[in-house]
N, C-alpha and C. Protein backbone atom coordinates (compact mmCIF):
# COMPACT_ATOMS: atom_id res chain seq x y z
N MET A 1 12.65 11.93 -1.95
CA MET A 1 13.46 12.51 -3.01
C MET A 1 13.80 11.47 -4.09
N GLY A 2 14.05 10.22 -3.64
CA GLY A 2 14.40 9.17 -4.58
C GLY A 2 13.32 8.94 -5.62
N ASN A 3 12.06 8.96 -5.22
CA ASN A 3 10.96 8.74 -6.16
C ASN A 3 10.89 9.85 -7.20
N VAL A 4 11.13 11.08 -6.78
CA VAL A 4 11.12 12.20 -7.73
C VAL A 4 12.25 12.03 -8.74
N MET A 5 13.44 11.67 -8.28
CA MET A 5 14.58 11.48 -9.18
C MET A 5 14.33 10.29 -10.10
N ASP A 6 13.78 9.19 -9.56
CA ASP A 6 13.48 8.03 -10.40
C ASP A 6 12.51 8.41 -11.51
N LYS A 7 11.48 9.16 -11.18
CA LYS A 7 10.49 9.59 -12.17
C LYS A 7 11.16 10.48 -13.22
N TRP A 8 12.00 11.39 -12.78
CA TRP A 8 12.69 12.30 -13.70
C TRP A 8 13.57 11.49 -14.65
N GLU A 9 14.33 10.54 -14.11
CA GLU A 9 15.20 9.71 -14.95
C GLU A 9 14.39 8.89 -15.94
N ARG A 10 13.27 8.31 -15.48
CA ARG A 10 12.41 7.53 -16.37
C ARG A 10 11.83 8.41 -17.46
N ASP A 11 11.35 9.61 -17.09
CA ASP A 11 10.82 10.54 -18.09
C ASP A 11 11.89 10.91 -19.11
N SER A 12 13.10 11.09 -18.65
CA SER A 12 14.21 11.43 -19.54
C SER A 12 14.46 10.30 -20.55
N VAL A 13 14.42 9.06 -20.07
CA VAL A 13 14.62 7.90 -20.95
C VAL A 13 13.49 7.82 -21.97
N VAL A 14 12.26 8.02 -21.53
CA VAL A 14 11.10 7.97 -22.42
C VAL A 14 11.23 9.02 -23.51
N ILE A 15 11.61 10.23 -23.14
CA ILE A 15 11.78 11.31 -24.13
C ILE A 15 12.84 10.92 -25.15
N ARG A 16 13.96 10.38 -24.71
CA ARG A 16 15.02 9.98 -25.64
C ARG A 16 14.55 8.89 -26.59
N TYR A 17 13.83 7.88 -26.07
CA TYR A 17 13.34 6.81 -26.93
C TYR A 17 12.30 7.32 -27.91
N ARG A 18 11.39 8.17 -27.46
CA ARG A 18 10.38 8.71 -28.38
C ARG A 18 11.05 9.50 -29.49
N ALA A 19 12.08 10.25 -29.15
CA ALA A 19 12.79 11.04 -30.16
C ALA A 19 13.56 10.13 -31.12
N ALA A 20 14.01 8.99 -30.62
CA ALA A 20 14.81 8.08 -31.45
C ALA A 20 13.96 7.32 -32.46
N LEU A 21 12.67 7.15 -32.15
CA LEU A 21 11.80 6.42 -33.06
C LEU A 21 11.21 7.36 -34.10
N SER A 22 11.25 6.94 -35.34
CA SER A 22 10.63 7.73 -36.40
C SER A 22 9.11 7.62 -36.28
N PRO A 23 8.37 8.55 -36.87
CA PRO A 23 6.91 8.43 -36.85
C PRO A 23 6.43 7.09 -37.41
N ARG A 24 7.09 6.61 -38.46
CA ARG A 24 6.69 5.34 -39.06
C ARG A 24 6.98 4.18 -38.10
N GLU A 25 8.13 4.23 -37.41
CA GLU A 25 8.45 3.18 -36.44
C GLU A 25 7.43 3.17 -35.31
N ARG A 26 6.95 4.35 -34.92
CA ARG A 26 5.91 4.41 -33.88
C ARG A 26 4.62 3.78 -34.39
N GLU A 27 4.29 4.02 -35.67
CA GLU A 27 3.09 3.38 -36.25
C GLU A 27 3.24 1.87 -36.26
N VAL A 28 4.41 1.40 -36.64
CA VAL A 28 4.67 -0.04 -36.68
C VAL A 28 4.59 -0.62 -35.27
N LEU A 29 5.16 0.07 -34.29
CA LEU A 29 5.10 -0.38 -32.90
C LEU A 29 3.66 -0.48 -32.42
N ASP A 30 2.85 0.52 -32.71
CA ASP A 30 1.44 0.50 -32.32
C ASP A 30 0.71 -0.68 -32.94
N ALA A 31 0.96 -0.92 -34.23
CA ALA A 31 0.31 -2.05 -34.92
C ALA A 31 0.80 -3.38 -34.35
N LEU A 32 2.08 -3.45 -34.06
CA LEU A 32 2.65 -4.65 -33.47
C LEU A 32 1.99 -4.95 -32.13
N ALA A 33 1.83 -3.91 -31.32
CA ALA A 33 1.19 -4.07 -30.00
C ALA A 33 -0.28 -4.48 -30.13
N ALA A 34 -0.90 -4.10 -31.22
CA ALA A 34 -2.29 -4.46 -31.46
C ALA A 34 -2.42 -5.89 -31.98
N GLY A 35 -1.28 -6.56 -32.22
CA GLY A 35 -1.30 -7.95 -32.64
C GLY A 35 -1.25 -8.18 -34.13
N ALA A 36 -1.00 -7.13 -34.90
CA ALA A 36 -0.97 -7.26 -36.37
C ALA A 36 0.28 -8.01 -36.83
N SER A 37 0.11 -8.78 -37.87
CA SER A 37 1.25 -9.47 -38.50
C SER A 37 1.99 -8.48 -39.40
N GLN A 38 3.15 -8.90 -39.89
CA GLN A 38 3.89 -8.03 -40.81
C GLN A 38 3.07 -7.72 -42.06
N VAL A 39 2.39 -8.72 -42.58
CA VAL A 39 1.57 -8.51 -43.78
C VAL A 39 0.44 -7.53 -43.48
N GLU A 40 -0.21 -7.68 -42.33
CA GLU A 40 -1.30 -6.77 -41.96
C GLU A 40 -0.78 -5.34 -41.75
N ILE A 41 0.38 -5.22 -41.12
CA ILE A 41 0.97 -3.89 -40.93
C ILE A 41 1.27 -3.26 -42.29
N ALA A 42 1.84 -4.05 -43.19
CA ALA A 42 2.16 -3.55 -44.53
C ALA A 42 0.90 -3.05 -45.24
N MET A 43 -0.18 -3.81 -45.13
CA MET A 43 -1.44 -3.41 -45.76
C MET A 43 -1.98 -2.12 -45.13
N GLN A 44 -1.92 -2.02 -43.80
CA GLN A 44 -2.40 -0.82 -43.09
C GLN A 44 -1.62 0.42 -43.51
N LEU A 45 -0.32 0.26 -43.68
CA LEU A 45 0.54 1.41 -43.97
C LEU A 45 0.75 1.64 -45.47
N GLY A 46 0.32 0.71 -46.28
CA GLY A 46 0.48 0.86 -47.72
C GLY A 46 1.92 0.72 -48.19
N VAL A 47 2.66 -0.19 -47.53
CA VAL A 47 4.05 -0.44 -47.90
C VAL A 47 4.25 -1.94 -48.10
N ARG A 48 5.42 -2.32 -48.55
CA ARG A 48 5.73 -3.74 -48.75
C ARG A 48 6.07 -4.39 -47.41
N ARG A 49 5.88 -5.71 -47.35
CA ARG A 49 6.22 -6.44 -46.13
C ARG A 49 7.70 -6.31 -45.80
N THR A 50 8.54 -6.26 -46.82
CA THR A 50 9.99 -6.11 -46.58
C THR A 50 10.31 -4.78 -45.92
N THR A 51 9.52 -3.75 -46.24
CA THR A 51 9.71 -2.44 -45.60
C THR A 51 9.34 -2.53 -44.13
N VAL A 52 8.25 -3.21 -43.84
CA VAL A 52 7.83 -3.41 -42.43
C VAL A 52 8.91 -4.19 -41.70
N SER A 53 9.45 -5.20 -42.34
CA SER A 53 10.50 -6.01 -41.73
C SER A 53 11.71 -5.13 -41.38
N ALA A 54 12.08 -4.23 -42.26
CA ALA A 54 13.21 -3.32 -42.00
C ALA A 54 12.89 -2.39 -40.82
N HIS A 55 11.67 -1.88 -40.78
CA HIS A 55 11.27 -1.03 -39.64
C HIS A 55 11.34 -1.81 -38.34
N LEU A 56 10.88 -3.06 -38.36
CA LEU A 56 10.90 -3.88 -37.16
C LEU A 56 12.32 -4.16 -36.70
N MET A 57 13.21 -4.44 -37.63
CA MET A 57 14.61 -4.70 -37.26
C MET A 57 15.22 -3.49 -36.56
N ARG A 58 14.98 -2.29 -37.12
CA ARG A 58 15.48 -1.07 -36.49
C ARG A 58 14.83 -0.84 -35.13
N LEU A 59 13.54 -1.08 -35.05
CA LEU A 59 12.79 -0.91 -33.81
C LEU A 59 13.32 -1.85 -32.73
N TYR A 60 13.52 -3.12 -33.07
CA TYR A 60 14.05 -4.08 -32.11
C TYR A 60 15.44 -3.66 -31.64
N ARG A 61 16.27 -3.21 -32.57
CA ARG A 61 17.63 -2.77 -32.21
C ARG A 61 17.57 -1.57 -31.27
N ARG A 62 16.72 -0.60 -31.58
CA ARG A 62 16.62 0.59 -30.73
C ARG A 62 16.07 0.28 -29.35
N LEU A 63 15.18 -0.71 -29.27
CA LEU A 63 14.63 -1.11 -27.98
C LEU A 63 15.56 -2.07 -27.24
N GLY A 64 16.55 -2.59 -27.94
CA GLY A 64 17.51 -3.49 -27.32
C GLY A 64 16.94 -4.86 -27.01
N VAL A 65 16.09 -5.36 -27.90
CA VAL A 65 15.47 -6.67 -27.69
C VAL A 65 15.88 -7.64 -28.79
N SER A 66 15.88 -8.91 -28.43
CA SER A 66 16.20 -9.96 -29.41
C SER A 66 15.68 -11.28 -28.85
N GLY A 67 15.97 -12.34 -29.56
CA GLY A 67 15.61 -13.66 -29.08
C GLY A 67 14.39 -14.22 -29.78
N GLU A 68 13.97 -15.39 -29.30
CA GLU A 68 12.86 -16.10 -29.92
C GLU A 68 11.56 -15.32 -29.86
N ASP A 69 11.31 -14.66 -28.75
CA ASP A 69 10.06 -13.93 -28.55
C ASP A 69 10.27 -12.42 -28.74
N VAL A 70 10.96 -12.05 -29.79
CA VAL A 70 11.37 -10.66 -29.97
C VAL A 70 10.16 -9.71 -30.04
N ARG A 71 9.08 -10.14 -30.67
CA ARG A 71 7.88 -9.29 -30.75
C ARG A 71 7.33 -8.99 -29.36
N ALA A 72 7.17 -10.04 -28.57
CA ALA A 72 6.65 -9.87 -27.21
C ALA A 72 7.62 -9.04 -26.37
N ASN A 73 8.92 -9.31 -26.51
CA ASN A 73 9.93 -8.56 -25.76
C ASN A 73 9.89 -7.08 -26.13
N ALA A 74 9.68 -6.78 -27.40
CA ALA A 74 9.61 -5.39 -27.85
C ALA A 74 8.41 -4.68 -27.24
N ILE A 75 7.28 -5.35 -27.19
CA ILE A 75 6.07 -4.75 -26.62
C ILE A 75 6.24 -4.51 -25.12
N VAL A 76 6.79 -5.50 -24.42
CA VAL A 76 7.02 -5.35 -22.98
C VAL A 76 7.99 -4.20 -22.72
N ARG A 77 9.07 -4.15 -23.48
CA ARG A 77 10.08 -3.09 -23.30
C ARG A 77 9.47 -1.72 -23.61
N ALA A 78 8.71 -1.63 -24.68
CA ALA A 78 8.09 -0.35 -25.06
C ALA A 78 7.10 0.11 -23.98
N ARG A 79 6.36 -0.83 -23.41
CA ARG A 79 5.43 -0.47 -22.32
C ARG A 79 6.21 -0.01 -21.09
N HIS A 80 7.28 -0.70 -20.78
CA HIS A 80 8.13 -0.33 -19.63
C HIS A 80 8.69 1.08 -19.81
N LEU A 81 9.01 1.43 -21.03
CA LEU A 81 9.58 2.75 -21.32
C LEU A 81 8.51 3.84 -21.48
N GLY A 82 7.26 3.43 -21.44
CA GLY A 82 6.18 4.42 -21.59
C GLY A 82 5.87 4.78 -23.04
N LEU A 83 6.35 3.96 -23.98
CA LEU A 83 6.09 4.22 -25.39
C LEU A 83 4.74 3.66 -25.83
N LEU A 84 4.20 2.76 -25.01
CA LEU A 84 2.87 2.17 -25.26
C LEU A 84 2.07 2.25 -23.97
N PRO A 85 0.76 2.35 -24.11
CA PRO A 85 -0.07 2.37 -22.87
C PRO A 85 -0.07 1.01 -22.19
């Protein structure tokens, strides 16, 4: 029974996080996970680097990550939550 409840709780968290991320933030997260720099993400999305930076700040805050390795922490957290493969 515990495994079923754990899966249900995890699925519930994933659904909440997916709903909390905007479509653009999901695009930025995917590009980030692919190893793209802010400049490369900006070019891919047709926006300014400062716009990408703002998306990343919101994304990091929503994922609850910070620190020196914030990019890596965000990718690990997103994978843990099922937001990335």
